[in-house]
Amino acid sequence: MTDGNEVWVNLSQSGNTTVSVRGTSPIKPRAVNVGSASLGFMWVSTGKSTHWQFTPTLFESNLTQYTETPTEVDYMQIINVEMGNRMFPATGIIKTNITGQISAPAIHFDLPYATALWVFLLRSPWFPMRLVVEKTPLSIAHGSA
């Protein structure tokens, strides 16, 4: 997220998700897309220094409508986005050098002046992950034994 923005997620009993973004400066989105996204992050060397590079990619995106909630404070803006039933657990691989990739449901706000606001919903599964390794019985026979 950027400085000055907060996000709330509301999950209804029927599984529909509403995301509310509150900002202290006007967001003014040109378009809002919802879908599955991937966020790759890595260290990039530029000369003698290194910096973080984030590469977000939106898959299966759908253009969606948003609503604005009026606030009592003039400098505050709240934008609500309905995601429907798109809340799936986040998955990813993070290496020991803090590089990797995460896949999760996301919202992309296309903003003026070639800027963007991304909201990734990182949620763990509803149930704990259980790994089950099946092994076949080992039979050793030699002669009559």
Protein backbone atom coordinates (compact mmCIF):
# COMPACT_ATOMS: atom_id res chain seq x y z
CA MET A 1 0.00 0.00 0.00
CA THR A 2 0.98 3.58 -0.32
CA ASP A 3 1.32 6.09 2.46
CA GLY A 4 -2.01 7.56 3.51
CA ASN A 5 -4.20 4.61 2.46
CA GLU A 6 -5.86 1.94 4.60
CA VAL A 7 -7.75 -1.18 3.50
CA TRP A 8 -10.62 -3.06 5.16
CA VAL A 9 -11.93 -6.42 3.99
CA ASN A 10 -15.50 -7.54 4.77
CA LEU A 11 -16.42 -11.17 4.10
CA SER A 12 -20.17 -11.89 4.23
CA GLN A 13 -21.82 -15.17 5.28
CA SER A 14 -22.52 -15.98 1.61
CA GLY A 15 -18.82 -15.65 0.74
CA ASN A 16 -18.99 -12.29 -1.05
CA THR A 17 -16.06 -10.00 -0.35
CA THR A 18 -16.10 -6.20 -0.17
CA VAL A 19 -12.82 -4.29 -0.02
CA SER A 20 -12.83 -0.67 1.20
CA VAL A 21 -9.87 1.61 0.56
CA ARG A 22 -9.69 4.79 2.64
CA GLY A 23 -7.32 7.49 1.51
CA THR A 24 -6.33 10.92 2.78
CA SER A 25 -5.83 12.16 -0.78
CA PRO A 26 -8.23 11.60 -3.69
CA ILE A 27 -7.54 8.35 -5.54
CA LYS A 28 -9.52 9.18 -8.74
CA PRO A 29 -9.21 5.79 -10.49
CA ARG A 30 -9.63 5.62 -14.28
CA ALA A 31 -10.41 1.90 -14.05
CA VAL A 32 -10.60 -0.77 -11.34
CA ASN A 33 -9.78 -4.40 -12.19
CA VAL A 34 -10.29 -7.44 -9.96
CA GLY A 35 -8.77 -10.87 -10.46
CA SER A 36 -6.00 -13.32 -9.68
CA ALA A 37 -2.59 -11.69 -9.47
CA SER A 38 1.03 -12.58 -9.09
CA LEU A 39 3.61 -10.45 -7.29
CA GLY A 40 7.25 -11.18 -8.04
CA PHE A 41 9.86 -9.47 -5.90
CA MET A 42 13.64 -9.52 -6.13
CA TRP A 43 16.82 -7.59 -5.49
CA VAL A 44 18.15 -5.76 -8.55
CA SER A 45 21.71 -4.48 -8.86
CA THR A 46 22.21 -1.07 -10.44
CA GLY A 47 25.85 -0.13 -10.46
CA LYS A 48 27.16 -0.24 -6.91
CA SER A 49 23.78 -0.35 -5.19
CA THR A 50 20.83 -2.71 -5.03
CA HIS A 51 17.13 -2.02 -4.64
CA TRP A 52 13.85 -3.94 -4.44
CA GLN A 53 11.90 -4.51 -7.62
CA PHE A 54 8.27 -5.58 -7.50
CA THR A 55 6.54 -6.91 -10.60
CA PRO A 56 2.75 -7.26 -10.23
CA THR A 57 0.79 -9.07 -12.94
CA LEU A 58 -3.00 -9.39 -13.05
CA PHE A 59 -4.46 -12.59 -14.54
CA GLU A 60 -8.12 -13.25 -15.31
CA SER A 61 -8.92 -9.62 -14.67
CA ASN A 62 -12.44 -8.26 -14.77
CA LEU A 63 -13.28 -4.58 -15.01
CA THR A 64 -15.45 -3.84 -12.00
CA GLN A 65 -17.54 -0.98 -10.71
CA TYR A 66 -16.77 0.79 -7.47
CA THR A 67 -18.72 3.04 -5.15
CA GLU A 68 -17.62 5.94 -2.99
CA THR A 69 -18.83 6.33 0.57
CA PRO A 70 -19.26 9.93 1.74
CA THR A 71 -17.34 10.84 4.88
CA GLU A 72 -17.80 13.54 7.46
CA VAL A 73 -14.25 14.73 6.86
CA ASP A 74 -13.66 16.52 3.54
CA TYR A 75 -10.10 15.29 3.05
CA MET A 76 -11.02 11.61 3.46
CA GLN A 77 -12.18 9.32 0.61
CA ILE A 78 -13.52 5.74 0.88
CA ILE A 79 -13.81 3.55 -2.23
CA ASN A 80 -15.69 0.23 -2.00
CA VAL A 81 -15.01 -2.61 -4.45
CA GLU A 82 -17.18 -5.74 -4.63
CA MET A 83 -15.03 -8.82 -5.36
CA GLY A 84 -17.81 -11.40 -5.28
CA ASN A 85 -16.71 -14.88 -4.28
CA ARG A 86 -13.04 -14.56 -5.29
CA MET A 87 -11.32 -15.07 -1.93
CA PHE A 88 -8.90 -17.94 -2.31
CA PRO A 89 -5.82 -18.57 -0.16
CA ALA A 90 -2.55 -16.92 -1.13
CA THR A 91 0.26 -19.16 -2.32
CA GLY A 92 3.87 -18.48 -2.98
CA ILE A 93 7.52 -19.30 -2.64
CA ILE A 94 9.92 -17.11 -0.72
CA LYS A 95 13.62 -17.93 -0.76
CA THR A 96 16.05 -17.30 2.08
CA ASN A 97 17.34 -14.13 0.36
CA ILE A 98 13.77 -12.69 0.54
CA THR A 99 13.04 -13.07 -3.16
CA GLY A 100 10.15 -14.97 -4.63
CA GLN A 101 6.62 -14.82 -5.93
CA ILE A 102 3.16 -14.70 -4.35
CA SER A 103 -0.18 -15.43 -6.03
CA ALA A 104 -3.34 -14.01 -4.47
CA PRO A 105 -6.62 -12.26 -5.28
CA ALA A 106 -5.95 -8.60 -6.02
CA ILE A 107 -7.45 -5.27 -7.01
CA HIS A 108 -5.66 -2.95 -9.44
CA PHE A 109 -6.56 0.74 -9.43
CA ASP A 110 -5.41 2.39 -12.65
CA LEU A 111 -4.62 5.96 -11.60
CA PRO A 112 -3.74 9.10 -13.59
CA TYR A 113 -0.14 10.04 -14.42
CA ALA A 114 0.96 6.43 -15.10
CA THR A 115 0.57 5.36 -11.49
CA ALA A 116 -1.28 2.45 -9.94
CA LEU A 117 -2.52 1.24 -6.58
CA TRP A 118 -2.48 -2.51 -5.92
CA VAL A 119 -4.30 -4.32 -3.11
CA PHE A 120 -3.24 -7.94 -2.59
CA LEU A 121 -5.44 -9.99 -0.25
CA LEU A 122 -3.08 -12.35 1.55
CA ARG A 123 -5.21 -14.88 3.34
CA SER A 124 -4.31 -18.23 4.84
CA PRO A 125 -6.50 -21.26 4.13
CA TRP A 126 -9.65 -21.77 6.24
CA PHE A 127 -8.23 -25.04 7.44
CA PRO A 128 -4.65 -25.99 8.36
CA MET A 129 -2.60 -27.53 5.59
CA ARG A 130 -2.07 -31.25 6.03
CA LEU A 131 0.52 -33.09 4.04
CA VAL A 132 -0.14 -36.78 3.66
CA VAL A 133 2.57 -39.03 2.32
CA GLU A 134 1.36 -42.41 1.29
CA LYS A 135 3.82 -45.24 1.42
CA THR A 136 3.34 -48.65 0.02
CA PRO A 137 4.17 -51.59 2.27
CA LEU A 138 7.61 -53.03 1.67
CA SER A 139 7.73 -56.79 1.34
CA ILE A 140 10.99 -58.70 1.26
CA ALA A 141 10.89 -62.39 0.48
CA HIS A 142 13.83 -64.77 0.29
CA GLY A 143 13.35 -68.42 -0.17
CA SER A 144 10.60 -69.69 2.19
CA ALA A 145 10.88 -66.73 4.58
